[in-house]
């Protein structure tokens, strides 16, 4: 199984579409937040349907720059994995929208307590799957994928605690554009895909073993 993961798209839908064409065939597309930049429900719906035209299922969480009302759009399109899990064969996907509260007061920020509640709600749906893939928009705290200059870790403490406790196989995140990269927490492989608006994404290949590759 081959999964394509994009985060921090911020309206650059054509870049994502080009990557999808280049990576075809694939089993599913994961959007790890910030599909839009303060976009409308109509814009979000057009983007999701554009990605769905490639013939594979699409799964989405909202980011901190996606207005909270887009959750209704993602639910109506049956692509949301915010606080819920879905099964793709023996692979379980679940996620958490938004980011922790920031000094910037962006459109969609929630408390660490709410992040934990949503993570555990989705985990209940997929914990029996052979492979579990966690998709929070925000990265886990104190990793190489939540680091901003000069040397500040700004990721989610709740996401970090959840990963340490439940150990999903892969965690896909974004949010911190400059912290694109790979890290591990226990047995969990963590990938910050980097901003898709700059052509970055990740490929998760699942067979007997699971591998994660940064692309773009």
N, C-alpha and C. Protein backbone atom coordinates (compact mmCIF):
# COMPACT_ATOMS: atom_id res chain seq x y z
N UNK A 1 0.83 -1.20 0.00
CA UNK A 1 0.00 0.00 0.00
C UNK A 1 0.87 1.25 0.00
N UNK A 2 0.51 2.21 -0.84
CA UNK A 2 1.26 3.46 -0.95
C UNK A 2 0.34 4.62 -0.62
N UNK A 3 0.72 5.38 0.41
CA UNK A 3 -0.06 6.55 0.83
C UNK A 3 0.73 7.81 0.56
N UNK A 4 0.06 8.82 0.02
CA UNK A 4 0.67 10.13 -0.19
C UNK A 4 0.17 11.08 0.89
N UNK A 5 1.09 11.79 1.54
CA UNK A 5 0.73 12.68 2.63
C UNK A 5 1.17 14.10 2.30
N UNK A 6 0.22 15.04 2.39
CA UNK A 6 0.47 16.45 2.13
C UNK A 6 0.00 17.27 3.32
N UNK A 7 0.79 18.24 3.74
CA UNK A 7 0.38 19.16 4.78
C UNK A 7 0.70 20.59 4.33
N UNK A 8 0.02 21.54 4.96
CA UNK A 8 0.31 22.96 4.70
C UNK A 8 0.27 23.28 3.21
N UNK A 9 -0.86 22.90 2.61
CA UNK A 9 -1.06 23.14 1.18
C UNK A 9 -1.33 24.61 0.91
N UNK A 10 -2.12 25.23 1.76
CA UNK A 10 -2.40 26.67 1.69
C UNK A 10 -2.82 27.12 0.29
N UNK A 11 -3.70 26.34 -0.31
CA UNK A 11 -4.27 26.73 -1.60
C UNK A 11 -3.48 26.32 -2.82
N UNK A 12 -2.33 25.70 -2.65
CA UNK A 12 -1.50 25.30 -3.80
C UNK A 12 -1.95 23.95 -4.34
N UNK A 13 -3.18 23.88 -4.78
CA UNK A 13 -3.78 22.61 -5.16
C UNK A 13 -3.14 22.01 -6.41
N UNK A 14 -2.68 22.86 -7.32
CA UNK A 14 -2.07 22.34 -8.54
C UNK A 14 -0.75 21.61 -8.24
N UNK A 15 0.01 22.10 -7.26
CA UNK A 15 1.25 21.41 -6.88
C UNK A 15 0.95 20.01 -6.36
N UNK A 16 -0.10 19.91 -5.55
CA UNK A 16 -0.49 18.59 -5.03
C UNK A 16 -0.93 17.70 -6.17
N UNK A 17 -1.71 18.25 -7.07
CA UNK A 17 -2.19 17.46 -8.20
C UNK A 17 -1.02 16.94 -9.04
N UNK A 18 0.00 17.77 -9.27
CA UNK A 18 1.16 17.33 -10.04
C UNK A 18 1.90 16.20 -9.33
N UNK A 19 2.03 16.32 -8.01
CA UNK A 19 2.70 15.26 -7.25
C UNK A 19 1.91 13.96 -7.34
N UNK A 20 0.60 14.06 -7.29
CA UNK A 20 -0.24 12.86 -7.38
C UNK A 20 -0.07 12.18 -8.73
N UNK A 21 0.00 12.97 -9.79
CA UNK A 21 0.21 12.39 -11.12
C UNK A 21 1.55 11.67 -11.18
N UNK A 22 2.59 12.30 -10.62
CA UNK A 22 3.92 11.70 -10.64
C UNK A 22 4.06 10.46 -9.80
N UNK A 23 3.23 10.33 -8.76
CA UNK A 23 3.32 9.18 -7.84
C UNK A 23 2.32 8.08 -8.16
N UNK A 24 1.50 8.27 -9.15
CA UNK A 24 0.48 7.27 -9.49
C UNK A 24 1.12 5.94 -9.90
N UNK A 25 0.55 4.79 -9.49
CA UNK A 25 -0.66 4.64 -8.69
C UNK A 25 -0.39 4.71 -7.18
N UNK A 26 -1.41 5.03 -6.42
CA UNK A 26 -1.31 5.08 -4.97
C UNK A 26 -2.65 4.68 -4.37
N UNK A 27 -2.65 4.37 -3.08
CA UNK A 27 -3.84 3.81 -2.44
C UNK A 27 -4.73 4.85 -1.77
N UNK A 28 -4.14 5.97 -1.33
CA UNK A 28 -4.92 7.01 -0.65
C UNK A 28 -4.10 8.28 -0.54
N UNK A 29 -4.80 9.38 -0.35
CA UNK A 29 -4.18 10.68 -0.10
C UNK A 29 -4.57 11.15 1.29
N UNK A 30 -3.58 11.59 2.05
CA UNK A 30 -3.82 12.13 3.39
C UNK A 30 -3.47 13.61 3.37
N UNK A 31 -4.40 14.43 3.84
CA UNK A 31 -4.16 15.86 3.98
C UNK A 31 -4.08 16.18 5.47
N UNK A 32 -2.88 16.54 5.92
CA UNK A 32 -2.66 16.74 7.35
C UNK A 32 -2.83 18.17 7.82
N UNK A 33 -3.78 18.89 7.24
CA UNK A 33 -4.11 20.22 7.74
C UNK A 33 -3.59 21.36 6.90
N UNK A 34 -4.25 22.51 7.06
CA UNK A 34 -3.97 23.72 6.28
C UNK A 34 -4.12 23.46 4.80
N UNK A 35 -5.24 22.84 4.46
CA UNK A 35 -5.63 22.71 3.06
C UNK A 35 -5.76 24.11 2.45
N UNK A 36 -6.36 25.03 3.21
CA UNK A 36 -6.60 26.39 2.75
C UNK A 36 -5.86 27.38 3.64
N UNK A 37 -5.97 28.64 3.29
CA UNK A 37 -5.57 29.72 4.18
C UNK A 37 -6.82 30.57 4.41
N UNK A 38 -7.50 30.27 5.51
CA UNK A 38 -8.75 30.95 5.84
C UNK A 38 -9.76 30.81 4.70
N UNK A 39 -9.82 29.62 4.13
CA UNK A 39 -10.65 29.39 2.95
C UNK A 39 -12.11 29.17 3.28
N UNK A 40 -12.93 29.21 2.27
CA UNK A 40 -14.36 29.01 2.41
C UNK A 40 -14.71 27.52 2.28
N UNK A 41 -15.90 27.13 2.74
CA UNK A 41 -16.33 25.75 2.52
C UNK A 41 -16.35 25.38 1.04
N UNK A 42 -16.74 26.30 0.19
CA UNK A 42 -16.78 26.00 -1.25
C UNK A 42 -15.38 25.72 -1.79
N UNK A 43 -14.40 26.50 -1.35
CA UNK A 43 -13.02 26.27 -1.79
C UNK A 43 -12.52 24.91 -1.32
N UNK A 44 -12.79 24.59 -0.05
CA UNK A 44 -12.35 23.31 0.49
C UNK A 44 -12.99 22.15 -0.25
N UNK A 45 -14.27 22.28 -0.56
CA UNK A 45 -14.96 21.21 -1.29
C UNK A 45 -14.37 21.02 -2.68
N UNK A 46 -14.08 22.11 -3.36
CA UNK A 46 -13.49 22.00 -4.70
C UNK A 46 -12.13 21.30 -4.63
N UNK A 47 -11.34 21.63 -3.62
CA UNK A 47 -10.02 21.02 -3.50
C UNK A 47 -10.12 19.53 -3.23
N UNK A 48 -10.97 19.14 -2.30
CA UNK A 48 -11.13 17.72 -1.99
C UNK A 48 -11.59 16.96 -3.23
N UNK A 49 -12.56 17.50 -3.94
CA UNK A 49 -13.07 16.82 -5.12
C UNK A 49 -12.03 16.75 -6.23
N UNK A 50 -11.17 17.76 -6.32
CA UNK A 50 -10.07 17.71 -7.29
C UNK A 50 -9.14 16.54 -6.97
N UNK A 51 -8.80 16.38 -5.70
CA UNK A 51 -7.91 15.28 -5.31
C UNK A 51 -8.59 13.93 -5.52
N UNK A 52 -9.90 13.85 -5.26
CA UNK A 52 -10.63 12.59 -5.40
C UNK A 52 -10.70 12.14 -6.86
N UNK A 53 -10.55 13.06 -7.79
CA UNK A 53 -10.63 12.70 -9.21
C UNK A 53 -9.53 11.74 -9.63
N UNK A 54 -8.48 11.63 -8.82
CA UNK A 54 -7.40 10.70 -9.15
C UNK A 54 -7.78 9.25 -8.84
N UNK A 55 -8.95 9.06 -8.22
CA UNK A 55 -9.48 7.71 -8.07
C UNK A 55 -9.19 7.02 -6.76
N UNK A 56 -8.42 7.65 -5.86
CA UNK A 56 -8.11 7.06 -4.56
C UNK A 56 -8.83 7.83 -3.46
N UNK A 57 -9.12 7.18 -2.34
CA UNK A 57 -9.78 7.90 -1.25
C UNK A 57 -8.90 9.00 -0.68
N UNK A 58 -9.55 10.02 -0.14
CA UNK A 58 -8.88 11.17 0.46
C UNK A 58 -9.32 11.27 1.91
N UNK A 59 -8.35 11.51 2.81
CA UNK A 59 -8.63 11.65 4.23
C UNK A 59 -8.02 12.96 4.72
N UNK A 60 -8.78 13.71 5.54
CA UNK A 60 -8.41 15.08 5.84
C UNK A 60 -8.57 15.41 7.33
N UNK A 61 -7.60 16.15 7.87
CA UNK A 61 -7.83 16.93 9.09
C UNK A 61 -7.63 18.39 8.73
N UNK A 62 -8.25 19.27 9.50
CA UNK A 62 -8.08 20.71 9.29
C UNK A 62 -6.85 21.18 10.05
N UNK A 63 -6.26 22.27 9.56
CA UNK A 63 -5.13 22.89 10.25
C UNK A 63 -5.54 24.17 10.95
N UNK A 64 -4.58 24.81 11.57
CA UNK A 64 -4.90 26.04 12.31
C UNK A 64 -5.29 27.19 11.40
N UNK A 65 -4.92 27.13 10.11
CA UNK A 65 -5.32 28.17 9.18
C UNK A 65 -6.58 27.81 8.40
N UNK A 66 -7.15 26.65 8.64
CA UNK A 66 -8.45 26.28 8.09
C UNK A 66 -9.53 26.70 9.10
N UNK A 67 -10.47 27.52 8.72
CA UNK A 67 -11.51 27.90 9.67
C UNK A 67 -12.24 26.68 10.24
N UNK A 68 -12.62 26.71 11.51
CA UNK A 68 -13.28 25.54 12.11
C UNK A 68 -14.52 25.08 11.36
N UNK A 69 -15.22 26.01 10.68
CA UNK A 69 -16.44 25.60 9.98
C UNK A 69 -16.17 24.65 8.82
N UNK A 70 -14.90 24.53 8.40
CA UNK A 70 -14.60 23.57 7.34
C UNK A 70 -14.77 22.13 7.81
N UNK A 71 -14.79 21.91 9.12
CA UNK A 71 -15.02 20.55 9.63
C UNK A 71 -16.34 20.00 9.08
N UNK A 72 -17.37 20.83 9.01
CA UNK A 72 -18.66 20.38 8.50
C UNK A 72 -18.55 19.95 7.03
N UNK A 73 -17.73 20.67 6.28
CA UNK A 73 -17.53 20.31 4.87
C UNK A 73 -16.84 18.96 4.76
N UNK A 74 -15.80 18.75 5.55
CA UNK A 74 -15.06 17.49 5.49
C UNK A 74 -15.93 16.32 5.94
N UNK A 75 -16.78 16.55 6.92
CA UNK A 75 -17.69 15.50 7.38
C UNK A 75 -18.71 15.18 6.29
N UNK A 76 -19.27 16.23 5.67
CA UNK A 76 -20.27 16.02 4.62
C UNK A 76 -19.69 15.27 3.43
N UNK A 77 -18.40 15.50 3.15
CA UNK A 77 -17.73 14.81 2.03
C UNK A 77 -17.21 13.44 2.43
N UNK A 78 -17.39 13.07 3.70
CA UNK A 78 -16.95 11.78 4.25
C UNK A 78 -15.44 11.59 4.09
N UNK A 79 -14.68 12.66 4.37
CA UNK A 79 -13.21 12.57 4.31
C UNK A 79 -12.55 12.88 5.65
N UNK A 80 -13.33 13.29 6.64
CA UNK A 80 -12.75 13.73 7.92
C UNK A 80 -12.22 12.55 8.74
N UNK A 81 -11.00 12.75 9.29
CA UNK A 81 -10.48 11.81 10.29
C UNK A 81 -10.14 12.55 11.58
N UNK A 82 -10.80 13.68 11.80
CA UNK A 82 -10.64 14.43 13.05
C UNK A 82 -11.41 13.73 14.16
N UNK A 83 -10.70 13.25 15.18
CA UNK A 83 -11.33 12.58 16.32
C UNK A 83 -12.09 11.33 15.92
N UNK A 84 -11.74 10.73 14.80
CA UNK A 84 -12.36 9.48 14.38
C UNK A 84 -11.36 8.70 13.55
N UNK A 85 -11.58 7.40 13.47
CA UNK A 85 -10.69 6.55 12.71
C UNK A 85 -11.41 5.87 11.57
N UNK A 86 -10.67 5.57 10.53
CA UNK A 86 -11.19 4.80 9.40
C UNK A 86 -10.21 3.68 9.09
N UNK A 87 -10.71 2.62 8.50
CA UNK A 87 -9.87 1.49 8.12
C UNK A 87 -9.74 1.42 6.61
N UNK A 88 -8.52 1.25 6.17
CA UNK A 88 -8.20 1.04 4.77
C UNK A 88 -7.49 -0.30 4.71
N UNK A 89 -8.26 -1.36 4.41
CA UNK A 89 -7.77 -2.73 4.57
C UNK A 89 -7.33 -2.92 6.04
N UNK A 90 -6.06 -3.26 6.27
CA UNK A 90 -5.62 -3.48 7.64
C UNK A 90 -4.85 -2.28 8.22
N UNK A 91 -5.05 -1.12 7.59
CA UNK A 91 -4.41 0.11 8.04
C UNK A 91 -5.45 1.05 8.62
N UNK A 92 -5.22 1.52 9.84
CA UNK A 92 -6.13 2.45 10.49
C UNK A 92 -5.58 3.86 10.43
N UNK A 93 -6.42 4.81 10.04
CA UNK A 93 -6.04 6.22 9.95
C UNK A 93 -6.91 7.03 10.90
N UNK A 94 -6.32 7.91 11.68
CA UNK A 94 -7.08 8.77 12.59
C UNK A 94 -6.29 10.04 12.82
N UNK A 95 -6.97 11.11 13.25
CA UNK A 95 -6.24 12.36 13.36
C UNK A 95 -6.83 13.37 14.31
N UNK A 96 -6.18 14.53 14.35
CA UNK A 96 -6.60 15.66 15.18
C UNK A 96 -6.41 16.94 14.38
N UNK A 97 -7.48 17.68 14.21
CA UNK A 97 -7.41 18.96 13.53
C UNK A 97 -6.84 20.04 14.44
N UNK A 98 -6.55 21.21 13.84
CA UNK A 98 -6.17 22.42 14.57
C UNK A 98 -4.76 22.35 15.13
N UNK A 99 -4.40 23.37 15.89
CA UNK A 99 -3.12 23.42 16.59
C UNK A 99 -3.35 23.81 18.03
N UNK A 100 -2.35 23.64 18.90
CA UNK A 100 -2.47 24.21 20.24
C UNK A 100 -2.58 25.73 20.14
N UNK A 101 -2.97 26.34 21.23
CA UNK A 101 -3.12 27.80 21.28
C UNK A 101 -1.75 28.45 21.05
N UNK A 102 -1.72 29.47 20.20
CA UNK A 102 -0.49 30.17 19.85
C UNK A 102 -0.65 31.67 20.13
N UNK A 103 0.46 32.40 20.19
CA UNK A 103 0.38 33.85 20.36
C UNK A 103 -0.19 34.56 19.14
N UNK A 104 -0.31 33.83 18.02
CA UNK A 104 -0.74 34.46 16.77
C UNK A 104 -2.25 34.46 16.59
N UNK A 105 -2.98 33.73 17.44
CA UNK A 105 -4.44 33.73 17.39
C UNK A 105 -4.95 33.39 15.98
N UNK A 106 -4.47 32.27 15.46
CA UNK A 106 -4.89 31.83 14.14
C UNK A 106 -6.31 31.26 14.19
N UNK A 107 -6.94 31.01 13.04
CA UNK A 107 -8.37 30.69 13.03
C UNK A 107 -8.79 29.46 13.83
N UNK A 108 -7.94 28.42 13.92
CA UNK A 108 -8.40 27.16 14.52
C UNK A 108 -7.36 26.66 15.50
N UNK A 109 -7.51 27.06 16.75
CA UNK A 109 -6.62 26.65 17.83
C UNK A 109 -7.46 26.06 18.96
N UNK A 110 -6.96 24.98 19.57
CA UNK A 110 -7.69 24.32 20.65
C UNK A 110 -6.73 24.00 21.78
N UNK A 111 -7.28 23.67 22.92
CA UNK A 111 -6.45 23.39 24.09
C UNK A 111 -5.75 22.04 23.95
N UNK A 112 -4.69 21.87 24.71
CA UNK A 112 -4.00 20.58 24.75
C UNK A 112 -4.94 19.49 25.26
N UNK A 113 -5.83 19.84 26.16
CA UNK A 113 -6.79 18.85 26.69
C UNK A 113 -7.72 18.36 25.59
N UNK A 114 -8.18 19.28 24.74
CA UNK A 114 -9.05 18.89 23.63
C UNK A 114 -8.29 18.05 22.61
N UNK A 115 -7.04 18.40 22.36
CA UNK A 115 -6.21 17.60 21.45
C UNK A 115 -6.13 16.16 21.95
N UNK A 116 -5.89 15.98 23.25
CA UNK A 116 -5.80 14.63 23.82
C UNK A 116 -7.11 13.87 23.66
N UNK A 117 -8.23 14.54 23.91
CA UNK A 117 -9.53 13.88 23.78
C UNK A 117 -9.76 13.40 22.35
N UNK A 118 -9.43 14.24 21.39
CA UNK A 118 -9.65 13.87 19.99
C UNK A 118 -8.73 12.73 19.56
N UNK A 119 -7.49 12.77 20.01
CA UNK A 119 -6.55 11.69 19.66
C UNK A 119 -7.05 10.35 20.18
N UNK A 120 -7.47 10.31 21.42
CA UNK A 120 -7.91 9.05 22.01
C UNK A 120 -9.23 8.58 21.40
N UNK A 121 -10.10 9.50 21.00
CA UNK A 121 -11.35 9.11 20.35
C UNK A 121 -11.08 8.40 19.04
N UNK A 122 -10.15 8.93 18.24
CA UNK A 122 -9.81 8.28 16.98
C UNK A 122 -9.09 6.96 17.18
N UNK A 123 -8.22 6.92 18.19
CA UNK A 123 -7.46 5.70 18.48
C UNK A 123 -8.38 4.53 18.78
N UNK A 124 -9.49 4.77 19.46
CA UNK A 124 -10.42 3.69 19.78
C UNK A 124 -10.95 3.00 18.52
N UNK A 125 -11.05 3.76 17.44
CA UNK A 125 -11.59 3.19 16.19
C UNK A 125 -10.58 2.34 15.44
N UNK A 126 -9.28 2.52 15.71
CA UNK A 126 -8.27 1.86 14.87
C UNK A 126 -7.26 1.02 15.63
N UNK A 127 -7.37 0.96 16.94
CA UNK A 127 -6.29 0.33 17.70
C UNK A 127 -6.11 -1.14 17.40
N UNK A 128 -7.14 -1.79 16.84
CA UNK A 128 -7.01 -3.21 16.49
C UNK A 128 -6.40 -3.42 15.11
N UNK A 129 -6.16 -2.35 14.35
CA UNK A 129 -5.60 -2.49 13.01
C UNK A 129 -4.14 -2.95 13.07
N UNK A 130 -3.68 -3.58 12.01
CA UNK A 130 -2.28 -4.03 11.98
C UNK A 130 -1.31 -2.85 11.99
N UNK A 131 -1.63 -1.81 11.22
CA UNK A 131 -0.83 -0.60 11.15
C UNK A 131 -1.71 0.58 11.52
N UNK A 132 -1.23 1.43 12.44
CA UNK A 132 -2.00 2.59 12.89
C UNK A 132 -1.26 3.87 12.51
N UNK A 133 -1.92 4.75 11.76
CA UNK A 133 -1.32 6.00 11.29
C UNK A 133 -2.07 7.17 11.89
N UNK A 134 -1.36 7.97 12.66
CA UNK A 134 -1.90 9.12 13.39
C UNK A 134 -1.60 10.39 12.59
N UNK A 135 -2.63 11.23 12.42
CA UNK A 135 -2.48 12.43 11.59
C UNK A 135 -2.93 13.67 12.37
N UNK A 136 -2.10 14.18 13.28
CA UNK A 136 -2.39 15.47 13.89
C UNK A 136 -1.78 16.58 13.01
N UNK A 137 -2.44 17.73 12.98
CA UNK A 137 -1.81 18.82 12.21
C UNK A 137 -0.52 19.27 12.89
N UNK A 138 -0.56 19.41 14.21
CA UNK A 138 0.61 19.90 14.94
C UNK A 138 1.58 18.76 15.25
N UNK A 139 2.87 19.04 15.26
CA UNK A 139 3.86 18.01 15.58
C UNK A 139 3.96 17.78 17.08
N UNK A 140 4.53 16.66 17.48
CA UNK A 140 4.76 16.41 18.90
C UNK A 140 5.87 17.31 19.45
N UNK A 141 5.73 17.68 20.69
CA UNK A 141 6.69 18.57 21.35
C UNK A 141 8.06 17.91 21.53
N UNK A 142 9.08 18.74 21.48
CA UNK A 142 10.47 18.35 21.79
C UNK A 142 10.99 17.27 20.83
N UNK A 143 10.84 17.55 19.55
CA UNK A 143 11.37 16.69 18.50
C UNK A 143 12.08 17.58 17.48
N UNK A 144 12.69 16.95 16.49
CA UNK A 144 13.31 17.75 15.43
C UNK A 144 12.28 18.33 14.48
N UNK A 145 11.02 17.89 14.59
CA UNK A 145 9.99 18.34 13.65
C UNK A 145 9.07 19.40 14.24
N UNK A 146 9.42 19.95 15.40
CA UNK A 146 8.64 21.06 15.97
C UNK A 146 9.53 22.24 16.32
N UNK A 147 10.69 22.31 15.71
CA UNK A 147 11.73 23.25 16.12
C UNK A 147 11.70 24.51 15.24
N UNK A 148 11.67 25.66 15.91
CA UNK A 148 11.80 26.93 15.21
C UNK A 148 13.01 27.68 15.75
N UNK A 149 13.52 28.63 14.98
CA UNK A 149 14.68 29.39 15.40
C UNK A 149 14.34 30.27 16.60
N UNK A 150 15.30 30.53 17.51
CA UNK A 150 16.68 30.03 17.45
C UNK A 150 16.81 28.58 17.91
N UNK A 151 16.03 28.17 18.89
CA UNK A 151 16.11 26.78 19.33
C UNK A 151 14.89 26.46 20.20
N UNK A 152 13.71 26.77 19.66
CA UNK A 152 12.48 26.64 20.44
C UNK A 152 11.62 25.50 19.92
N UNK A 153 11.17 24.65 20.82
CA UNK A 153 10.26 23.57 20.48
C UNK A 153 8.82 24.04 20.74
N UNK A 154 8.01 24.03 19.70
CA UNK A 154 6.67 24.63 19.80
C UNK A 154 5.56 23.63 19.46
N UNK A 155 5.87 22.34 19.52
CA UNK A 155 4.87 21.32 19.22
C UNK A 155 3.91 21.09 20.37
N UNK A 156 3.02 20.15 20.17
CA UNK A 156 1.96 19.85 21.15
C UNK A 156 2.44 18.85 22.20
N UNK A 157 2.29 19.23 23.45
CA UNK A 157 2.63 18.31 24.54
C UNK A 157 1.64 17.15 24.61
N UNK A 158 0.39 17.40 24.27
CA UNK A 158 -0.62 16.33 24.29
C UNK A 158 -0.34 15.29 23.21
N UNK A 159 0.07 15.74 22.04
CA UNK A 159 0.41 14.80 20.97
C UNK A 159 1.63 13.98 21.36
N UNK A 160 2.61 14.63 21.96
CA UNK A 160 3.80 13.91 22.43
C UNK A 160 3.40 12.82 23.44
N UNK A 161 2.59 13.18 24.41
CA UNK A 161 2.18 12.22 25.44
C UNK A 161 1.38 11.08 24.83
N UNK A 162 0.49 11.40 23.89
CA UNK A 162 -0.32 10.36 23.25
C UNK A 162 0.58 9.37 22.50
N UNK A 163 1.54 9.87 21.75
CA UNK A 163 2.43 8.98 21.00
C UNK A 163 3.24 8.10 21.94
N UNK A 164 3.75 8.67 23.00
CA UNK A 164 4.51 7.88 23.97
C UNK A 164 3.66 6.77 24.57
N UNK A 165 2.40 7.07 24.83
CA UNK A 165 1.51 6.10 25.47
C UNK A 165 1.01 5.03 24.51
N UNK A 166 0.57 5.42 23.30
CA UNK A 166 -0.12 4.49 22.40
C UNK A 166 0.76 3.94 21.28
N UNK A 167 1.83 4.63 20.94
CA UNK A 167 2.80 4.15 19.96
C UNK A 167 2.17 3.76 18.62
N UNK A 168 1.50 4.70 17.95
CA UNK A 168 1.09 4.42 16.57
C UNK A 168 2.33 4.14 15.72
N UNK A 169 2.13 3.46 14.62
CA UNK A 169 3.28 3.09 13.78
C UNK A 169 3.90 4.32 13.11
N UNK A 170 3.04 5.20 12.61
CA UNK A 170 3.50 6.40 11.92
C UNK A 170 2.67 7.59 12.39
N UNK A 171 3.32 8.73 12.58
CA UNK A 171 2.62 9.99 12.84
C UNK A 171 2.98 10.97 11.73
N UNK A 172 1.94 11.49 11.07
CA UNK A 172 2.11 12.45 9.99
C UNK A 172 1.66 13.81 10.49
N UNK A 173 2.55 14.80 10.42
CA UNK A 173 2.21 16.13 10.93
C UNK A 173 2.77 17.20 10.00
N UNK A 174 2.51 18.45 10.33
CA UNK A 174 3.02 19.58 9.57
C UNK A 174 3.12 20.79 10.48
N UNK A 175 2.44 21.87 10.11
CA UNK A 175 2.28 23.07 10.93
C UNK A 175 3.54 23.92 11.01
N UNK A 176 4.66 23.33 11.41
CA UNK A 176 5.92 24.07 11.51
C UNK A 176 6.68 23.89 10.19
N UNK A 177 6.52 24.86 9.30
CA UNK A 177 7.01 24.71 7.94
C UNK A 177 8.52 24.45 7.88
N UNK A 178 9.26 25.14 8.74
CA UNK A 178 10.73 25.05 8.67
C UNK A 178 11.28 23.79 9.32
N UNK A 179 10.41 22.97 9.93
CA UNK A 179 10.88 21.78 10.64
C UNK A 179 10.58 20.49 9.87
N UNK A 180 10.53 20.58 8.56
CA UNK A 180 10.35 19.38 7.72
C UNK A 180 11.42 18.35 8.07
N UNK A 181 10.99 17.10 8.25
CA UNK A 181 11.97 16.08 8.55
C UNK A 181 11.36 14.85 9.17
N UNK A 182 12.22 13.97 9.66
CA UNK A 182 11.83 12.70 10.27
C UNK A 182 12.39 12.61 11.67
N UNK A 183 11.65 11.95 12.55
CA UNK A 183 12.11 11.68 13.90
C UNK A 183 11.43 10.41 14.38
N UNK A 184 11.80 9.95 15.56
CA UNK A 184 11.15 8.79 16.16
C UNK A 184 10.85 9.06 17.63
N UNK A 185 9.74 8.50 18.09
CA UNK A 185 9.39 8.50 19.52
C UNK A 185 9.06 7.05 19.86
N UNK A 186 9.95 6.37 20.57
CA UNK A 186 9.76 4.94 20.78
C UNK A 186 9.80 4.22 19.45
N UNK A 187 8.75 3.48 19.13
CA UNK A 187 8.69 2.78 17.85
C UNK A 187 7.93 3.57 16.79
N UNK A 188 7.46 4.76 17.15
CA UNK A 188 6.67 5.58 16.22
C UNK A 188 7.57 6.41 15.33
N UNK A 189 7.38 6.27 14.03
CA UNK A 189 8.08 7.10 13.06
C UNK A 189 7.27 8.38 12.86
N UNK A 190 7.91 9.54 13.04
CA UNK A 190 7.22 10.82 12.94
C UNK A 190 7.75 11.56 11.72
N UNK A 191 6.83 12.06 10.88
CA UNK A 191 7.23 12.80 9.70
C UNK A 191 6.49 14.13 9.64
N UNK A 192 7.25 15.21 9.56
CA UNK A 192 6.71 16.52 9.20
C UNK A 192 6.93 16.66 7.71
N UNK A 193 5.85 16.63 6.95
CA UNK A 193 5.95 16.56 5.49
C UNK A 193 6.57 17.80 4.87
N UNK A 194 6.51 18.93 5.58
CA UNK A 194 6.92 20.19 4.98
C UNK A 194 5.79 20.77 4.16
N UNK A 195 5.87 22.05 3.83
CA UNK A 195 4.76 22.71 3.14
C UNK A 195 4.58 22.23 1.70
N UNK A 196 3.40 21.69 1.42
CA UNK A 196 3.11 21.24 0.06
C UNK A 196 3.10 22.40 -0.91
N UNK A 197 2.86 23.61 -0.41
CA UNK A 197 2.92 24.78 -1.27
C UNK A 197 4.28 25.01 -1.88
N UNK A 198 5.31 24.41 -1.29
CA UNK A 198 6.67 24.49 -1.83
C UNK A 198 7.06 23.18 -2.54
N UNK A 199 6.09 22.30 -2.72
CA UNK A 199 6.34 21.07 -3.46
C UNK A 199 6.74 19.89 -2.61
N UNK A 200 6.65 20.00 -1.29
CA UNK A 200 7.07 18.93 -0.40
C UNK A 200 5.90 18.01 -0.03
N UNK A 201 6.21 16.74 0.20
CA UNK A 201 5.21 15.78 0.65
C UNK A 201 5.94 14.54 1.16
N UNK A 202 5.19 13.55 1.60
CA UNK A 202 5.78 12.31 2.09
C UNK A 202 5.05 11.12 1.48
N UNK A 203 5.79 10.03 1.32
CA UNK A 203 5.23 8.77 0.83
C UNK A 203 5.40 7.72 1.92
N UNK A 204 4.29 7.10 2.31
CA UNK A 204 4.33 6.02 3.30
C UNK A 204 4.03 4.72 2.56
N UNK A 205 4.97 3.81 2.57
CA UNK A 205 4.82 2.53 1.88
C UNK A 205 4.64 1.43 2.91
N UNK A 206 3.56 0.66 2.76
CA UNK A 206 3.20 -0.33 3.77
C UNK A 206 3.13 -1.71 3.12
N UNK A 207 3.96 -2.61 3.62
CA UNK A 207 3.94 -4.00 3.22
C UNK A 207 4.20 -4.82 4.47
N UNK A 208 5.11 -5.77 4.38
CA UNK A 208 5.53 -6.44 5.61
C UNK A 208 6.21 -5.45 6.55
N UNK A 209 6.92 -4.52 5.97
CA UNK A 209 7.52 -3.41 6.71
C UNK A 209 6.89 -2.11 6.26
N UNK A 210 7.04 -1.07 7.10
CA UNK A 210 6.51 0.25 6.78
C UNK A 210 7.65 1.23 6.63
N UNK A 211 7.68 1.97 5.53
CA UNK A 211 8.74 2.95 5.33
C UNK A 211 8.11 4.32 5.09
N UNK A 212 8.87 5.37 5.45
CA UNK A 212 8.43 6.75 5.27
C UNK A 212 9.54 7.49 4.52
N UNK A 213 9.16 8.18 3.45
CA UNK A 213 10.12 8.89 2.61
C UNK A 213 9.65 10.31 2.36
N UNK A 214 10.52 11.28 2.57
CA UNK A 214 10.25 12.66 2.21
C UNK A 214 10.51 12.86 0.73
N UNK A 215 9.62 13.59 0.08
CA UNK A 215 9.74 13.83 -1.37
C UNK A 215 9.61 15.32 -1.66
N UNK A 216 10.05 15.70 -2.86
CA UNK A 216 9.90 17.08 -3.29
C UNK A 216 11.19 17.88 -3.11
